[in-house]
Amino acid sequence: MQDHFPFQKTPPPYSYSSLLPALDPDTVYLHCDQIYFSYVNRLNYALTPYPQFHGWTLEELIMGEMNIPTIDQNAIRHLAGGVYNHRLYFDGLSRTPKPEPTGELRAAIDNTYGSFSNWKEIFRQATDSLLGVGWAWLNSSGDGNLSIAVTLNNKTPSLTALTPLLALDTWEHAYYLKYPADFESYLKNWFELLDWETAERRFPASLPAKPEPPSS
């Protein structure tokens, strides 16, 4: 996510009806066009008076220090988080999902949580700890260790210490039309939509570069 102001509305790489039956087109349209795209518009509006930040990436806007009024800084961080989080959420879903991770990421999940099914249960338990609306994350640290985290509102994990591999939106707008007051069904079906290939591409990028073999 190395783009900068003015941030663009990037739709998901699938049609709004392609996630049926897990997510219906009305829910995906509301979530993408009305919520996510609104964050993009509002972030660009909030940044307009501050040209010194027009070259900043989303990560820099979320984590960087800004010498501006606190109310504006808080608004920019919140909106940048809304854009960053929704991008990762929509990119992490697929109409033809890979049911389980493989390769290096699968090995890391098995080593950390014992098994893929254990990871799913621990992730589910983490969502129970959210006291309000927010996000649940699978993250990788620079040494390849995995961790599950939850954040409130549009906050992210530390983007200087961690690389988020996938994000679950627990705000009601993500599921309420399809699953009124039934978060558990939404979560169960979200697992079925996960595009593990996206997470698998992000995982090696979180690791230190391997040294080049010595030349002969």
N, C-alpha and C. Protein backbone atom coordinates (compact mmCIF):
# COMPACT_ATOMS: atom_id res chain seq x y z
N MET A 1 0.84 -1.18 0.00
CA MET A 1 0.00 0.00 0.00
C MET A 1 0.88 1.25 0.00
N GLN A 2 1.58 1.44 -1.09
CA GLN A 2 2.55 2.52 -1.19
C GLN A 2 2.01 3.74 -1.91
N ASP A 3 0.70 3.79 -2.18
CA ASP A 3 0.14 4.97 -2.84
C ASP A 3 -0.02 6.09 -1.83
N HIS A 4 -0.38 7.26 -2.32
CA HIS A 4 -0.51 8.43 -1.45
C HIS A 4 -1.61 9.34 -2.00
N PHE A 5 -1.81 10.46 -1.34
CA PHE A 5 -2.85 11.43 -1.70
C PHE A 5 -2.74 11.83 -3.17
N PRO A 6 -3.85 11.94 -3.88
CA PRO A 6 -5.20 11.55 -3.47
C PRO A 6 -5.39 10.04 -3.58
N PHE A 7 -5.85 9.44 -2.50
CA PHE A 7 -6.06 8.00 -2.48
C PHE A 7 -7.24 7.63 -3.38
N GLN A 8 -7.10 6.47 -4.03
CA GLN A 8 -8.09 6.03 -5.00
C GLN A 8 -9.03 5.00 -4.39
N LYS A 9 -10.24 4.96 -4.92
CA LYS A 9 -11.20 3.93 -4.53
C LYS A 9 -10.89 2.67 -5.34
N THR A 10 -10.31 1.69 -4.67
CA THR A 10 -9.93 0.46 -5.36
C THR A 10 -10.94 -0.63 -5.02
N PRO A 11 -11.80 -1.00 -5.97
CA PRO A 11 -12.81 -2.02 -5.69
C PRO A 11 -12.18 -3.39 -5.54
N PRO A 12 -12.86 -4.33 -4.91
CA PRO A 12 -12.33 -5.68 -4.77
C PRO A 12 -12.16 -6.34 -6.14
N PRO A 13 -11.30 -7.34 -6.23
CA PRO A 13 -11.06 -8.02 -7.51
C PRO A 13 -12.10 -9.10 -7.81
N TYR A 14 -13.35 -8.81 -7.49
CA TYR A 14 -14.44 -9.76 -7.74
C TYR A 14 -15.74 -8.97 -7.73
N SER A 15 -16.77 -9.55 -8.33
CA SER A 15 -18.07 -8.88 -8.35
C SER A 15 -18.75 -9.00 -7.00
N TYR A 16 -19.68 -8.10 -6.73
CA TYR A 16 -20.36 -8.09 -5.44
C TYR A 16 -21.26 -9.30 -5.24
N SER A 17 -21.63 -9.96 -6.30
CA SER A 17 -22.47 -11.16 -6.18
C SER A 17 -21.67 -12.44 -6.12
N SER A 18 -20.36 -12.35 -6.31
CA SER A 18 -19.56 -13.56 -6.43
C SER A 18 -19.26 -14.21 -5.08
N LEU A 19 -19.57 -13.53 -3.98
CA LEU A 19 -19.30 -14.12 -2.67
C LEU A 19 -20.50 -14.85 -2.10
N LEU A 20 -21.58 -14.95 -2.89
CA LEU A 20 -22.73 -15.73 -2.47
C LEU A 20 -22.33 -17.20 -2.32
N PRO A 21 -22.94 -17.94 -1.40
CA PRO A 21 -24.01 -17.52 -0.47
C PRO A 21 -23.50 -16.94 0.85
N ALA A 22 -22.18 -16.89 1.04
CA ALA A 22 -21.65 -16.44 2.33
C ALA A 22 -21.95 -14.97 2.59
N LEU A 23 -21.78 -14.12 1.55
CA LEU A 23 -22.10 -12.70 1.65
C LEU A 23 -22.92 -12.29 0.44
N ASP A 24 -24.00 -11.58 0.67
CA ASP A 24 -24.91 -11.19 -0.40
C ASP A 24 -24.45 -9.88 -1.05
N PRO A 25 -24.89 -9.60 -2.28
CA PRO A 25 -24.45 -8.38 -2.97
C PRO A 25 -24.79 -7.10 -2.24
N ASP A 26 -25.95 -7.04 -1.59
CA ASP A 26 -26.31 -5.81 -0.87
C ASP A 26 -25.33 -5.52 0.26
N THR A 27 -24.93 -6.57 0.99
CA THR A 27 -23.99 -6.37 2.08
C THR A 27 -22.64 -5.91 1.56
N VAL A 28 -22.15 -6.55 0.48
CA VAL A 28 -20.84 -6.18 -0.07
C VAL A 28 -20.89 -4.78 -0.65
N TYR A 29 -21.99 -4.43 -1.32
CA TYR A 29 -22.13 -3.07 -1.86
C TYR A 29 -22.13 -2.03 -0.74
N LEU A 30 -22.93 -2.26 0.30
CA LEU A 30 -22.96 -1.33 1.43
C LEU A 30 -21.58 -1.18 2.04
N HIS A 31 -20.92 -2.31 2.24
CA HIS A 31 -19.63 -2.30 2.92
C HIS A 31 -18.57 -1.60 2.07
N CYS A 32 -18.57 -1.88 0.79
CA CYS A 32 -17.53 -1.32 -0.08
C CYS A 32 -17.87 0.10 -0.52
N ASP A 33 -18.97 0.28 -1.22
CA ASP A 33 -19.29 1.58 -1.83
C ASP A 33 -19.68 2.64 -0.81
N GLN A 34 -20.39 2.23 0.23
CA GLN A 34 -20.90 3.20 1.18
C GLN A 34 -19.98 3.42 2.39
N ILE A 35 -19.24 2.41 2.79
CA ILE A 35 -18.39 2.53 3.98
C ILE A 35 -16.93 2.75 3.58
N TYR A 36 -16.36 1.78 2.88
CA TYR A 36 -14.94 1.87 2.50
C TYR A 36 -14.68 3.09 1.62
N PHE A 37 -15.46 3.28 0.55
CA PHE A 37 -15.23 4.41 -0.33
C PHE A 37 -15.45 5.74 0.37
N SER A 38 -16.33 5.76 1.36
CA SER A 38 -16.53 6.97 2.15
C SER A 38 -15.26 7.34 2.92
N TYR A 39 -14.58 6.32 3.46
CA TYR A 39 -13.31 6.59 4.15
C TYR A 39 -12.30 7.21 3.19
N VAL A 40 -12.24 6.71 1.96
CA VAL A 40 -11.31 7.27 0.98
C VAL A 40 -11.63 8.75 0.74
N ASN A 41 -12.90 9.06 0.48
CA ASN A 41 -13.30 10.45 0.22
C ASN A 41 -12.98 11.35 1.41
N ARG A 42 -13.30 10.88 2.60
CA ARG A 42 -13.11 11.71 3.79
C ARG A 42 -11.63 11.87 4.13
N LEU A 43 -10.82 10.84 3.86
CA LEU A 43 -9.39 10.97 4.10
C LEU A 43 -8.79 12.01 3.16
N ASN A 44 -9.15 11.96 1.88
CA ASN A 44 -8.63 12.95 0.94
C ASN A 44 -9.06 14.36 1.33
N TYR A 45 -10.30 14.50 1.79
CA TYR A 45 -10.78 15.82 2.22
C TYR A 45 -9.99 16.31 3.44
N ALA A 46 -9.74 15.40 4.41
CA ALA A 46 -9.03 15.78 5.62
C ALA A 46 -7.58 16.15 5.34
N LEU A 47 -6.99 15.55 4.30
CA LEU A 47 -5.59 15.81 3.98
C LEU A 47 -5.40 17.05 3.11
N THR A 48 -6.46 17.51 2.46
CA THR A 48 -6.33 18.61 1.50
C THR A 48 -5.62 19.83 2.07
N PRO A 49 -5.90 20.25 3.31
CA PRO A 49 -5.22 21.46 3.83
C PRO A 49 -3.77 21.22 4.26
N TYR A 50 -3.29 19.97 4.17
CA TYR A 50 -1.97 19.64 4.70
C TYR A 50 -1.09 19.05 3.60
N PRO A 51 -0.58 19.88 2.69
CA PRO A 51 0.24 19.35 1.58
C PRO A 51 1.51 18.66 2.05
N GLN A 52 1.96 18.93 3.27
CA GLN A 52 3.17 18.27 3.76
C GLN A 52 2.98 16.77 3.94
N PHE A 53 1.71 16.32 3.94
CA PHE A 53 1.45 14.88 4.09
C PHE A 53 0.96 14.24 2.80
N HIS A 54 0.94 14.98 1.70
CA HIS A 54 0.39 14.43 0.47
C HIS A 54 1.24 13.32 -0.13
N GLY A 55 2.49 13.23 0.28
CA GLY A 55 3.35 12.15 -0.21
C GLY A 55 3.43 10.97 0.75
N TRP A 56 2.67 11.03 1.85
CA TRP A 56 2.74 9.97 2.85
C TRP A 56 1.87 8.79 2.44
N THR A 57 2.35 7.59 2.72
CA THR A 57 1.55 6.38 2.51
C THR A 57 0.54 6.22 3.64
N LEU A 58 -0.37 5.28 3.49
CA LEU A 58 -1.32 5.00 4.57
C LEU A 58 -0.60 4.61 5.85
N GLU A 59 0.45 3.77 5.73
CA GLU A 59 1.19 3.35 6.91
C GLU A 59 1.81 4.56 7.62
N GLU A 60 2.35 5.49 6.85
CA GLU A 60 2.95 6.68 7.46
C GLU A 60 1.90 7.56 8.10
N LEU A 61 0.74 7.67 7.48
CA LEU A 61 -0.33 8.47 8.08
C LEU A 61 -0.84 7.85 9.38
N ILE A 62 -0.83 6.53 9.45
CA ILE A 62 -1.31 5.84 10.65
C ILE A 62 -0.30 5.91 11.78
N MET A 63 0.99 5.77 11.44
CA MET A 63 2.02 5.62 12.48
C MET A 63 2.89 6.85 12.67
N GLY A 64 2.94 7.76 11.70
CA GLY A 64 3.87 8.88 11.76
C GLY A 64 3.43 9.99 12.70
N GLU A 65 4.38 10.83 13.06
CA GLU A 65 4.11 11.98 13.92
C GLU A 65 3.73 13.19 13.06
N MET A 66 2.64 13.85 13.45
CA MET A 66 2.17 15.01 12.71
C MET A 66 2.08 16.21 13.65
N ASN A 67 2.73 17.27 13.28
CA ASN A 67 2.70 18.48 14.09
C ASN A 67 1.54 19.37 13.61
N ILE A 68 0.33 18.88 13.86
CA ILE A 68 -0.90 19.58 13.48
C ILE A 68 -1.87 19.48 14.65
N PRO A 69 -2.96 20.24 14.64
CA PRO A 69 -3.93 20.13 15.73
C PRO A 69 -4.36 18.69 15.99
N THR A 70 -4.47 18.33 17.25
CA THR A 70 -4.77 16.96 17.64
C THR A 70 -6.06 16.46 17.00
N ILE A 71 -7.08 17.30 16.93
CA ILE A 71 -8.36 16.86 16.37
C ILE A 71 -8.20 16.45 14.90
N ASP A 72 -7.35 17.18 14.16
CA ASP A 72 -7.12 16.82 12.76
C ASP A 72 -6.24 15.57 12.65
N GLN A 73 -5.24 15.48 13.51
CA GLN A 73 -4.38 14.30 13.50
C GLN A 73 -5.19 13.05 13.80
N ASN A 74 -6.05 13.11 14.81
CA ASN A 74 -6.87 11.95 15.16
C ASN A 74 -7.79 11.55 14.02
N ALA A 75 -8.37 12.56 13.35
CA ALA A 75 -9.27 12.28 12.23
C ALA A 75 -8.52 11.61 11.09
N ILE A 76 -7.34 12.11 10.77
CA ILE A 76 -6.55 11.54 9.67
C ILE A 76 -6.15 10.11 10.00
N ARG A 77 -5.71 9.85 11.22
CA ARG A 77 -5.32 8.49 11.60
C ARG A 77 -6.52 7.54 11.52
N HIS A 78 -7.67 7.99 12.00
CA HIS A 78 -8.87 7.16 11.97
C HIS A 78 -9.28 6.84 10.54
N LEU A 79 -9.26 7.83 9.67
CA LEU A 79 -9.69 7.63 8.29
C LEU A 79 -8.67 6.80 7.51
N ALA A 80 -7.38 7.05 7.75
CA ALA A 80 -6.35 6.24 7.09
C ALA A 80 -6.45 4.78 7.53
N GLY A 81 -6.75 4.56 8.81
CA GLY A 81 -6.97 3.20 9.29
C GLY A 81 -8.17 2.57 8.61
N GLY A 82 -9.23 3.35 8.42
CA GLY A 82 -10.40 2.81 7.73
C GLY A 82 -10.10 2.37 6.32
N VAL A 83 -9.26 3.13 5.62
CA VAL A 83 -8.89 2.75 4.25
C VAL A 83 -7.97 1.54 4.26
N TYR A 84 -6.93 1.57 5.09
CA TYR A 84 -5.97 0.47 5.16
C TYR A 84 -6.66 -0.84 5.53
N ASN A 85 -7.48 -0.81 6.57
CA ASN A 85 -8.12 -2.02 7.07
C ASN A 85 -9.07 -2.62 6.04
N HIS A 86 -9.86 -1.76 5.40
CA HIS A 86 -10.82 -2.27 4.42
C HIS A 86 -10.13 -2.82 3.18
N ARG A 87 -9.04 -2.22 2.78
CA ARG A 87 -8.30 -2.77 1.65
C ARG A 87 -7.84 -4.20 1.96
N LEU A 88 -7.26 -4.38 3.14
CA LEU A 88 -6.77 -5.71 3.50
C LEU A 88 -7.93 -6.69 3.65
N TYR A 89 -9.04 -6.23 4.21
CA TYR A 89 -10.21 -7.09 4.38
C TYR A 89 -10.72 -7.59 3.03
N PHE A 90 -10.97 -6.68 2.09
CA PHE A 90 -11.53 -7.08 0.79
C PHE A 90 -10.51 -7.87 -0.02
N ASP A 91 -9.23 -7.53 0.05
CA ASP A 91 -8.22 -8.29 -0.67
C ASP A 91 -8.07 -9.70 -0.11
N GLY A 92 -8.47 -9.90 1.13
CA GLY A 92 -8.32 -11.20 1.77
C GLY A 92 -9.46 -12.16 1.51
N LEU A 93 -10.44 -11.74 0.70
CA LEU A 93 -11.57 -12.61 0.36
C LEU A 93 -11.49 -13.02 -1.10
N SER A 94 -12.14 -14.12 -1.43
CA SER A 94 -12.09 -14.60 -2.81
C SER A 94 -13.37 -15.36 -3.14
N ARG A 95 -13.78 -15.26 -4.42
CA ARG A 95 -14.92 -16.07 -4.87
C ARG A 95 -14.51 -17.52 -5.09
N THR A 96 -13.21 -17.77 -5.21
CA THR A 96 -12.69 -19.14 -5.32
C THR A 96 -11.60 -19.31 -4.26
N PRO A 97 -11.99 -19.33 -3.00
CA PRO A 97 -11.00 -19.29 -1.93
C PRO A 97 -10.19 -20.59 -1.84
N LYS A 98 -8.96 -20.42 -1.40
CA LYS A 98 -8.12 -21.56 -1.06
C LYS A 98 -8.48 -21.96 0.37
N PRO A 99 -8.94 -23.20 0.61
CA PRO A 99 -9.54 -23.53 1.91
C PRO A 99 -8.60 -23.46 3.10
N GLU A 100 -7.31 -23.73 2.88
CA GLU A 100 -6.35 -23.71 3.97
C GLU A 100 -5.03 -23.16 3.47
N PRO A 101 -4.24 -22.56 4.37
CA PRO A 101 -2.92 -22.08 3.96
C PRO A 101 -1.98 -23.26 3.71
N THR A 102 -0.96 -23.01 2.92
CA THR A 102 0.07 -24.01 2.64
C THR A 102 1.44 -23.37 2.77
N GLY A 103 2.47 -24.15 2.52
CA GLY A 103 3.82 -23.64 2.47
C GLY A 103 4.32 -23.09 3.80
N GLU A 104 5.12 -22.02 3.71
CA GLU A 104 5.75 -21.43 4.88
C GLU A 104 4.73 -20.93 5.90
N LEU A 105 3.64 -20.33 5.41
CA LEU A 105 2.64 -19.80 6.33
C LEU A 105 1.95 -20.93 7.08
N ARG A 106 1.61 -22.01 6.39
CA ARG A 106 0.97 -23.15 7.07
C ARG A 106 1.91 -23.72 8.13
N ALA A 107 3.19 -23.84 7.80
CA ALA A 107 4.15 -24.35 8.78
C ALA A 107 4.23 -23.44 10.00
N ALA A 108 4.19 -22.12 9.77
CA ALA A 108 4.24 -21.18 10.89
C ALA A 108 2.99 -21.28 11.75
N ILE A 109 1.81 -21.44 11.11
CA ILE A 109 0.57 -21.59 11.87
C ILE A 109 0.60 -22.87 12.70
N ASP A 110 1.03 -23.96 12.10
CA ASP A 110 1.10 -25.23 12.83
C ASP A 110 2.09 -25.14 13.98
N ASN A 111 3.23 -24.48 13.76
CA ASN A 111 4.24 -24.37 14.82
C ASN A 111 3.76 -23.49 15.97
N THR A 112 3.01 -22.44 15.64
CA THR A 112 2.57 -21.49 16.67
C THR A 112 1.33 -21.96 17.40
N TYR A 113 0.36 -22.52 16.66
CA TYR A 113 -0.95 -22.84 17.25
C TYR A 113 -1.25 -24.33 17.32
N GLY A 114 -0.35 -25.15 16.83
CA GLY A 114 -0.55 -26.59 16.91
C GLY A 114 -1.20 -27.19 15.69
N SER A 115 -2.17 -26.47 15.13
CA SER A 115 -2.86 -26.93 13.93
C SER A 115 -3.67 -25.77 13.37
N PHE A 116 -4.12 -25.93 12.15
CA PHE A 116 -4.95 -24.91 11.53
C PHE A 116 -6.29 -24.78 12.26
N SER A 117 -6.87 -25.91 12.66
CA SER A 117 -8.15 -25.85 13.38
C SER A 117 -7.98 -25.16 14.73
N ASN A 118 -6.85 -25.36 15.39
CA ASN A 118 -6.60 -24.65 16.65
C ASN A 118 -6.50 -23.15 16.40
N TRP A 119 -5.82 -22.77 15.32
CA TRP A 119 -5.73 -21.35 14.99
C TRP A 119 -7.11 -20.74 14.82
N LYS A 120 -8.00 -21.42 14.08
CA LYS A 120 -9.34 -20.89 13.86
C LYS A 120 -10.08 -20.70 15.18
N GLU A 121 -9.95 -21.64 16.10
CA GLU A 121 -10.65 -21.52 17.38
C GLU A 121 -10.07 -20.38 18.22
N ILE A 122 -8.76 -20.23 18.23
CA ILE A 122 -8.14 -19.14 18.99
C ILE A 122 -8.50 -17.79 18.38
N PHE A 123 -8.55 -17.74 17.05
CA PHE A 123 -8.96 -16.50 16.39
C PHE A 123 -10.40 -16.16 16.76
N ARG A 124 -11.27 -17.17 16.76
CA ARG A 124 -12.67 -16.95 17.14
C ARG A 124 -12.75 -16.42 18.57
N GLN A 125 -11.99 -17.00 19.48
CA GLN A 125 -11.98 -16.54 20.86
C GLN A 125 -11.51 -15.09 20.96
N ALA A 126 -10.56 -14.73 20.13
CA ALA A 126 -10.06 -13.35 20.16
C ALA A 126 -11.18 -12.38 19.81
N THR A 127 -12.05 -12.73 18.86
CA THR A 127 -13.15 -11.83 18.51
C THR A 127 -14.11 -11.64 19.68
N ASP A 128 -14.20 -12.65 20.55
CA ASP A 128 -15.08 -12.53 21.72
C ASP A 128 -14.57 -11.47 22.69
N SER A 129 -13.27 -11.16 22.63
CA SER A 129 -12.69 -10.22 23.58
C SER A 129 -12.90 -8.77 23.17
N LEU A 130 -13.42 -8.53 21.98
CA LEU A 130 -13.65 -7.16 21.53
C LEU A 130 -14.86 -6.57 22.25
N LEU A 131 -14.63 -5.54 23.01
CA LEU A 131 -15.70 -4.87 23.74
C LEU A 131 -16.13 -3.65 22.93
N GLY A 132 -16.86 -3.89 21.88
CA GLY A 132 -17.26 -2.84 20.96
C GLY A 132 -16.92 -3.25 19.55
N VAL A 133 -16.82 -2.28 18.65
CA VAL A 133 -16.54 -2.59 17.25
C VAL A 133 -15.05 -2.48 16.97
N GLY A 134 -14.59 -3.23 16.00
CA GLY A 134 -13.18 -3.18 15.68
C GLY A 134 -12.79 -4.24 14.68
N TRP A 135 -11.56 -4.74 14.83
CA TRP A 135 -10.96 -5.64 13.87
C TRP A 135 -10.20 -6.74 14.59
N ALA A 136 -10.13 -7.90 13.94
CA ALA A 136 -9.28 -9.00 14.41
C ALA A 136 -8.26 -9.30 13.32
N TRP A 137 -7.03 -9.62 13.74
CA TRP A 137 -5.91 -9.68 12.82
C TRP A 137 -5.08 -10.94 13.02
N LEU A 138 -4.50 -11.42 11.93
CA LEU A 138 -3.37 -12.35 11.99
C LEU A 138 -2.16 -11.57 11.50
N ASN A 139 -1.12 -11.51 12.34
CA ASN A 139 0.06 -10.69 12.04
C ASN A 139 1.31 -11.54 12.03
N SER A 140 2.31 -11.03 11.33
CA SER A 140 3.64 -11.64 11.33
C SER A 140 4.65 -10.60 11.78
N SER A 141 5.57 -11.01 12.65
CA SER A 141 6.64 -10.11 13.06
C SER A 141 7.85 -10.35 12.16
N GLY A 142 8.85 -9.51 12.31
CA GLY A 142 10.01 -9.57 11.44
C GLY A 142 10.80 -10.87 11.54
N ASP A 143 10.62 -11.61 12.65
CA ASP A 143 11.34 -12.89 12.79
C ASP A 143 10.48 -14.07 12.36
N GLY A 144 9.30 -13.78 11.77
CA GLY A 144 8.45 -14.84 11.26
C GLY A 144 7.45 -15.38 12.27
N ASN A 145 7.45 -14.86 13.50
CA ASN A 145 6.48 -15.31 14.48
C ASN A 145 5.11 -14.74 14.16
N LEU A 146 4.07 -15.52 14.40
CA LEU A 146 2.70 -15.11 14.15
C LEU A 146 2.04 -14.70 15.46
N SER A 147 1.06 -13.80 15.34
CA SER A 147 0.28 -13.40 16.50
C SER A 147 -1.11 -12.98 16.05
N ILE A 148 -2.06 -13.18 16.93
CA ILE A 148 -3.44 -12.74 16.73
C ILE A 148 -3.66 -11.50 17.59
N ALA A 149 -4.32 -10.51 17.04
CA ALA A 149 -4.57 -9.27 17.78
C ALA A 149 -5.97 -8.77 17.46
N VAL A 150 -6.50 -7.96 18.35
CA VAL A 150 -7.75 -7.24 18.10
C VAL A 150 -7.50 -5.77 18.34
N THR A 151 -8.17 -4.93 17.58
CA THR A 151 -8.06 -3.48 17.74
C THR A 151 -9.45 -2.88 17.70
N LEU A 152 -9.62 -1.77 18.38
CA LEU A 152 -10.91 -1.10 18.42
C LEU A 152 -11.03 -0.08 17.30
N ASN A 153 -12.26 0.18 16.92
CA ASN A 153 -12.58 1.18 15.90
C ASN A 153 -11.78 0.89 14.62
N ASN A 154 -10.99 1.84 14.13
CA ASN A 154 -10.19 1.60 12.92
C ASN A 154 -8.70 1.53 13.21
N LYS A 155 -8.33 1.23 14.43
CA LYS A 155 -6.92 1.13 14.75
C LYS A 155 -6.33 -0.12 14.11
N THR A 156 -5.02 -0.06 13.87
CA THR A 156 -4.29 -1.19 13.32
C THR A 156 -3.31 -1.70 14.36
N PRO A 157 -2.77 -2.90 14.17
CA PRO A 157 -1.59 -3.28 14.96
C PRO A 157 -0.43 -2.33 14.62
N SER A 158 0.64 -2.43 15.36
CA SER A 158 1.82 -1.60 15.07
C SER A 158 2.37 -1.98 13.70
N LEU A 159 2.29 -1.06 12.76
CA LEU A 159 2.76 -1.34 11.40
C LEU A 159 4.27 -1.19 11.27
N THR A 160 4.93 -0.73 12.32
CA THR A 160 6.39 -0.67 12.32
C THR A 160 6.98 -1.98 12.83
N ALA A 161 6.22 -2.73 13.62
CA ALA A 161 6.73 -3.98 14.20
C ALA A 161 6.11 -5.22 13.57
N LEU A 162 4.95 -5.08 12.95
CA LEU A 162 4.19 -6.23 12.47
C LEU A 162 3.74 -6.02 11.03
N THR A 163 3.53 -7.12 10.34
CA THR A 163 2.91 -7.11 9.02
C THR A 163 1.57 -7.84 9.12
N PRO A 164 0.44 -7.13 9.01
CA PRO A 164 -0.85 -7.81 9.02
C PRO A 164 -0.98 -8.71 7.79
N LEU A 165 -1.40 -9.95 8.02
CA LEU A 165 -1.59 -10.90 6.92
C LEU A 165 -3.04 -10.98 6.50
N LEU A 166 -3.95 -10.82 7.44
CA LEU A 166 -5.37 -10.78 7.12
C LEU A 166 -6.11 -10.03 8.22
N ALA A 167 -7.27 -9.50 7.86
CA ALA A 167 -8.05 -8.69 8.80
C ALA A 167 -9.53 -9.05 8.70
N LEU A 168 -10.17 -9.17 9.83
CA LEU A 168 -11.61 -9.41 9.92
C LEU A 168 -12.29 -8.15 10.44
N ASP A 169 -13.23 -7.64 9.67
CA ASP A 169 -14.03 -6.49 10.10
C ASP A 169 -15.17 -6.99 10.98
N THR A 170 -15.21 -6.56 12.23
CA THR A 170 -16.28 -6.98 13.14
C THR A 170 -17.35 -5.90 13.33
N TRP A 171 -17.21 -4.77 12.61
CA TRP A 171 -18.27 -3.76 12.67
C TRP A 171 -19.56 -4.37 12.09
N GLU A 172 -20.70 -3.97 12.62
CA GLU A 172 -21.96 -4.58 12.18
C GLU A 172 -22.26 -4.34 10.71
N HIS A 173 -21.74 -3.24 10.14
CA HIS A 173 -22.02 -2.98 8.73
C HIS A 173 -21.46 -4.08 7.83
N ALA A 174 -20.51 -4.87 8.33
CA ALA A 174 -19.88 -5.92 7.52
C ALA A 174 -20.79 -7.13 7.33
N TYR A 175 -21.81 -7.27 8.18
CA TYR A 175 -22.58 -8.51 8.13
C TYR A 175 -24.06 -8.38 8.46
N TYR A 176 -24.51 -7.23 8.97
CA TYR A 176 -25.83 -7.18 9.60
C TYR A 176 -26.97 -7.45 8.62
N LEU A 177 -26.85 -7.03 7.36
CA LEU A 177 -27.93 -7.29 6.41
C LEU A 177 -28.11 -8.78 6.18
N LYS A 178 -27.00 -9.50 6.14
CA LYS A 178 -27.04 -10.94 5.88
C LYS A 178 -27.26 -11.75 7.14
N TYR A 179 -26.66 -11.32 8.24
CA TYR A 179 -26.71 -12.08 9.50
C TYR A 179 -27.13 -11.16 10.64
N PRO A 180 -28.40 -10.77 10.69
CA PRO A 180 -28.84 -9.86 11.76
C PRO A 180 -28.55 -10.44 13.14
N ALA A 181 -27.73 -9.71 13.90
CA ALA A 181 -27.41 -10.10 15.28
C ALA A 181 -26.83 -11.51 15.36
N ASP A 182 -26.11 -11.93 14.32
CA ASP A 182 -25.56 -13.29 14.27
C ASP A 182 -24.12 -13.24 13.80
N PHE A 183 -23.25 -12.70 14.65
CA PHE A 183 -21.84 -12.58 14.29
C PHE A 183 -21.19 -13.94 14.07
N GLU A 184 -21.59 -14.94 14.83
CA GLU A 184 -20.96 -16.25 14.73
C GLU A 184 -21.13 -16.85 13.33
N SER A 185 -22.30 -16.69 12.73
CA SER A 185 -22.50 -17.20 11.37
C SER A 185 -21.64 -16.43 10.37
N TYR A 186 -21.55 -15.12 10.55
CA TYR A 186 -20.69 -14.30 9.70
C TYR A 186 -19.24 -14.77 9.80
N LEU A 187 -18.75 -14.99 11.02
CA LEU A 187 -17.37 -15.41 11.20
C LEU A 187 -17.14 -16.78 10.57
N LYS A 188 -18.06 -17.71 10.77
CA LYS A 188 -17.93 -19.05 10.19
C LYS A 188 -17.81 -18.97 8.68
N ASN A 189 -18.61 -18.13 8.05
CA ASN A 189 -18.58 -18.03 6.59
C ASN A 189 -17.40 -17.19 6.11
N TRP A 190 -16.94 -16.24 6.93
CA TRP A 190 -15.73 -15.50 6.58
C TRP A 190 -14.54 -16.44 6.46
N PHE A 191 -14.42 -17.39 7.36
CA PHE A 191 -13.36 -18.38 7.26
C PHE A 191 -13.40 -19.09 5.90
N GLU A 192 -14.63 -19.34 5.41
CA GLU A 192 -14.77 -20.08 4.15
C GLU A 192 -14.43 -19.22 2.93
N LEU A 193 -14.41 -17.90 3.10
CA LEU A 193 -14.12 -16.99 1.98
C LEU A 193 -12.66 -16.56 1.93
N LEU A 194 -11.87 -16.91 2.93
CA LEU A 194 -10.50 -16.40 3.04
C LEU A 194 -9.66 -16.82 1.85
N ASP A 195 -8.97 -15.86 1.26
CA ASP A 195 -8.04 -16.11 0.18
C ASP A 195 -6.64 -16.26 0.78
N TRP A 196 -6.29 -17.46 1.13
CA TRP A 196 -5.01 -17.69 1.80
C TRP A 196 -3.83 -17.37 0.91
N GLU A 197 -4.05 -17.34 -0.41
CA GLU A 197 -2.94 -16.98 -1.30
C GLU A 197 -2.49 -15.54 -1.04
N THR A 198 -3.43 -14.66 -0.71
CA THR A 198 -3.07 -13.28 -0.38
C THR A 198 -2.20 -13.24 0.87
N ALA A 199 -2.61 -13.95 1.91
CA ALA A 199 -1.82 -13.98 3.15
C ALA A 199 -0.46 -14.63 2.91
N GLU A 200 -0.43 -15.67 2.06
CA GLU A 200 0.83 -16.36 1.78
C GLU A 200 1.81 -15.45 1.04
N ARG A 201 1.31 -14.55 0.22
CA ARG A 201 2.19 -13.59 -0.46
C ARG A 201 2.73 -12.56 0.51
N ARG A 202 1.92 -12.16 1.48
CA ARG A 202 2.35 -11.14 2.44
C ARG A 202 3.33 -11.70 3.47
N PHE A 203 3.23 -12.99 3.77
CA PHE A 203 4.05 -13.56 4.83
C PHE A 203 5.55 -13.49 4.51
N PRO A 204 6.02 -13.95 3.35
CA PRO A 204 7.46 -13.85 3.09
C PRO A 204 7.96 -12.41 3.08
N ALA A 205 7.09 -11.46 2.69
CA ALA A 205 7.51 -10.05 2.66
C ALA A 205 7.77 -9.52 4.06
N SER A 206 7.24 -10.20 5.09
CA SER A 206 7.45 -9.75 6.46
C SER A 206 8.77 -10.26 7.04
N LEU A 207 9.43 -11.17 6.33
CA LEU A 207 10.63 -11.80 6.85
C LEU A 207 11.89 -11.08 6.35
N PRO A 208 12.99 -11.20 7.09
CA PRO A 208 14.24 -10.60 6.61
C PRO A 208 14.66 -11.24 5.29
N ALA A 209 15.29 -10.47 4.45
CA ALA A 209 15.78 -11.01 3.19
C ALA A 209 16.84 -12.07 3.46
N LYS A 210 16.73 -13.16 2.72
CA LYS A 210 17.72 -14.22 2.88
C LYS A 210 19.04 -13.79 2.24
N PRO A 211 20.17 -14.13 2.89
CA PRO A 211 21.47 -13.72 2.33
C PRO A 211 21.72 -14.41 0.99
N GLU A 212 22.37 -13.69 0.13
CA GLU A 212 22.73 -14.26 -1.16
C GLU A 212 23.79 -15.36 -0.97
N PRO A 213 23.67 -16.46 -1.72
CA PRO A 213 24.70 -17.51 -1.60
C PRO A 213 26.04 -16.97 -2.11
N PRO A 214 27.13 -17.43 -1.52
CA PRO A 214 28.45 -16.94 -1.95
C PRO A 214 28.72 -17.30 -3.39
N SER A 215 29.33 -16.38 -4.10
CA SER A 215 29.64 -16.64 -5.51
C SER A 215 30.80 -17.60 -5.60
N SER A 216 30.75 -18.42 -6.63
CA SER A 216 31.81 -19.42 -6.80
C SER A 216 33.04 -18.81 -7.45
